[in-house]
Amino acid sequence: MYIIQEIQTTNGVTALTTPETFATRNEADNSFFYKVSVASVSQVQIHAVLMYDEHGNVIDRKFYEHLGE
């Protein structure tokens, strides 16, 4: 199982989005890279996207910081 989750922080307040689960790596990659592309241009100050498995092992992670832009 693959799990995709976003972490969004603005003005010192952090929110976790509802995780999404996928059975295959290709499905998980599709969601992960879509969310990363959205994070790259978002208004959220720190916008992270994680892919991990059901054991908590991080498979991939990306983040963007939009501080003072």
C-alpha atoms as a PDB file:
ATOM      1  CA  MET A   1       0.000   0.000   0.000  1.00  0.00           C
ATOM      2  CA  TYR A   2       1.136   3.538  -0.807  1.00  0.00           C
ATOM      3  CA  ILE A   3      -0.040   6.583   1.127  1.00  0.00           C
ATOM      4  CA  ILE A   4       0.086  10.190  -0.098  1.00  0.00           C
ATOM      5  CA  GLN A   5      -0.302  13.075   2.351  1.00  0.00           C
ATOM      6  CA  GLU A   6       0.253  16.820   2.279  1.00  0.00           C
ATOM      7  CA  ILE A   7       1.531  19.041   5.072  1.00  0.00           C
ATOM      8  CA  GLN A   8       0.692  22.728   4.707  1.00  0.00           C
ATOM      9  CA  THR A   9       2.078  25.450   6.996  1.00  0.00           C
ATOM     10  CA  THR A  10       1.168  29.127   6.850  1.00  0.00           C
ATOM     11  CA  ASN A  11       1.758  31.728   9.573  1.00  0.00           C
ATOM     12  CA  GLY A  12       3.002  29.021  11.935  1.00  0.00           C
ATOM     13  CA  VAL A  13      -0.175  26.936  11.637  1.00  0.00           C
ATOM     14  CA  THR A  14       0.257  23.437  10.198  1.00  0.00           C
ATOM     15  CA  ALA A  15      -2.504  21.333   8.675  1.00  0.00           C
ATOM     16  CA  LEU A  16      -2.384  17.718   7.489  1.00  0.00           C
ATOM     17  CA  THR A  17      -4.608  16.765   4.589  1.00  0.00           C
ATOM     18  CA  THR A  18      -6.600  13.545   4.599  1.00  0.00           C
ATOM     19  CA  PRO A  19      -4.266  10.773   3.391  1.00  0.00           C
ATOM     20  CA  GLU A  20      -5.009   8.952   0.154  1.00  0.00           C
ATOM     21  CA  THR A  21      -4.106   5.287  -0.325  1.00  0.00           C
ATOM     22  CA  PHE A  22      -3.179   3.454  -3.518  1.00  0.00           C
ATOM     23  CA  ALA A  23      -2.578  -0.194  -4.331  1.00  0.00           C
ATOM     24  CA  THR A  24       0.085   0.354  -6.995  1.00  0.00           C
ATOM     25  CA  ARG A  25       3.182   2.517  -7.250  1.00  0.00           C
ATOM     26  CA  ASN A  26       2.059   3.959 -10.590  1.00  0.00           C
ATOM     27  CA  GLU A  27      -1.214   5.202  -9.088  1.00  0.00           C
ATOM     28  CA  ALA A  28       0.648   6.625  -6.098  1.00  0.00           C
ATOM     29  CA  ASP A  29       3.223   8.337  -8.333  1.00  0.00           C
ATOM     30  CA  ASN A  30       0.433   9.926 -10.355  1.00  0.00           C
ATOM     31  CA  SER A  31      -1.142  11.463  -7.252  1.00  0.00           C
ATOM     32  CA  PHE A  32       2.204  12.374  -5.677  1.00  0.00           C
ATOM     33  CA  PHE A  33       3.565  14.250  -8.687  1.00  0.00           C
ATOM     34  CA  TYR A  34       0.247  16.011  -9.310  1.00  0.00           C
ATOM     35  CA  LYS A  35       0.231  17.275  -5.710  1.00  0.00           C
ATOM     36  CA  VAL A  36       3.894  18.314  -5.981  1.00  0.00           C
ATOM     37  CA  SER A  37       3.074  20.335  -9.102  1.00  0.00           C
ATOM     38  CA  VAL A  38       0.267  22.099  -7.233  1.00  0.00           C
ATOM     39  CA  ALA A  39       2.548  22.732  -4.243  1.00  0.00           C
ATOM     40  CA  SER A  40       5.137  24.360  -6.503  1.00  0.00           C
ATOM     41  CA  VAL A  41       2.818  27.292  -7.236  1.00  0.00           C
ATOM     42  CA  SER A  42       0.581  27.325  -4.154  1.00  0.00           C
ATOM     43  CA  GLN A  43       0.133  30.250  -1.785  1.00  0.00           C
ATOM     44  CA  VAL A  44       0.930  28.023   1.209  1.00  0.00           C
ATOM     45  CA  GLN A  45       4.170  29.188   2.843  1.00  0.00           C
ATOM     46  CA  ILE A  46       5.582  25.669   3.333  1.00  0.00           C
ATOM     47  CA  HIS A  47       3.875  22.974   1.277  1.00  0.00           C
ATOM     48  CA  ALA A  48       5.125  19.392   1.566  1.00  0.00           C
ATOM     49  CA  VAL A  49       3.970  16.167  -0.082  1.00  0.00           C
ATOM     50  CA  LEU A  50       4.934  12.737   1.249  1.00  0.00           C
ATOM     51  CA  MET A  51       4.630   9.205  -0.097  1.00  0.00           C
ATOM     52  CA  TYR A  52       5.031   6.455   2.472  1.00  0.00           C
ATOM     53  CA  ASP A  53       3.996   2.854   2.994  1.00  0.00           C
ATOM     54  CA  GLU A  54       1.784   1.244   5.618  1.00  0.00           C
ATOM     55  CA  HIS A  55       4.854   0.678   7.813  1.00  0.00           C
ATOM     56  CA  GLY A  56       5.664   4.388   7.837  1.00  0.00           C
ATOM     57  CA  ASN A  57       8.668   4.076   5.533  1.00  0.00           C
ATOM     58  CA  VAL A  58       9.065   7.274   3.510  1.00  0.00           C
ATOM     59  CA  ILE A  59       9.313   6.461  -0.195  1.00  0.00           C
ATOM     60  CA  ASP A  60       9.505  10.018  -1.515  1.00  0.00           C
ATOM     61  CA  ARG A  61       9.005  13.566  -0.290  1.00  0.00           C
ATOM     62  CA  LYS A  62       9.155  17.014  -1.799  1.00  0.00           C
ATOM     63  CA  PHE A  63       8.477  20.471  -0.433  1.00  0.00           C
ATOM     64  CA  TYR A  64       8.357  24.089  -1.496  1.00  0.00           C
ATOM     65  CA  GLU A  65       8.885  27.166   0.631  1.00  0.00           C
ATOM     66  CA  HIS A  66       7.105  30.299  -0.536  1.00  0.00           C
ATOM     67  CA  LEU A  67       8.514  32.734   2.008  1.00  0.00           C
ATOM     68  CA  GLY A  68       8.525  36.390   1.076  1.00  0.00           C
ATOM     69  CA  GLU A  69       7.713  35.823  -2.581  1.00  0.00           C
END
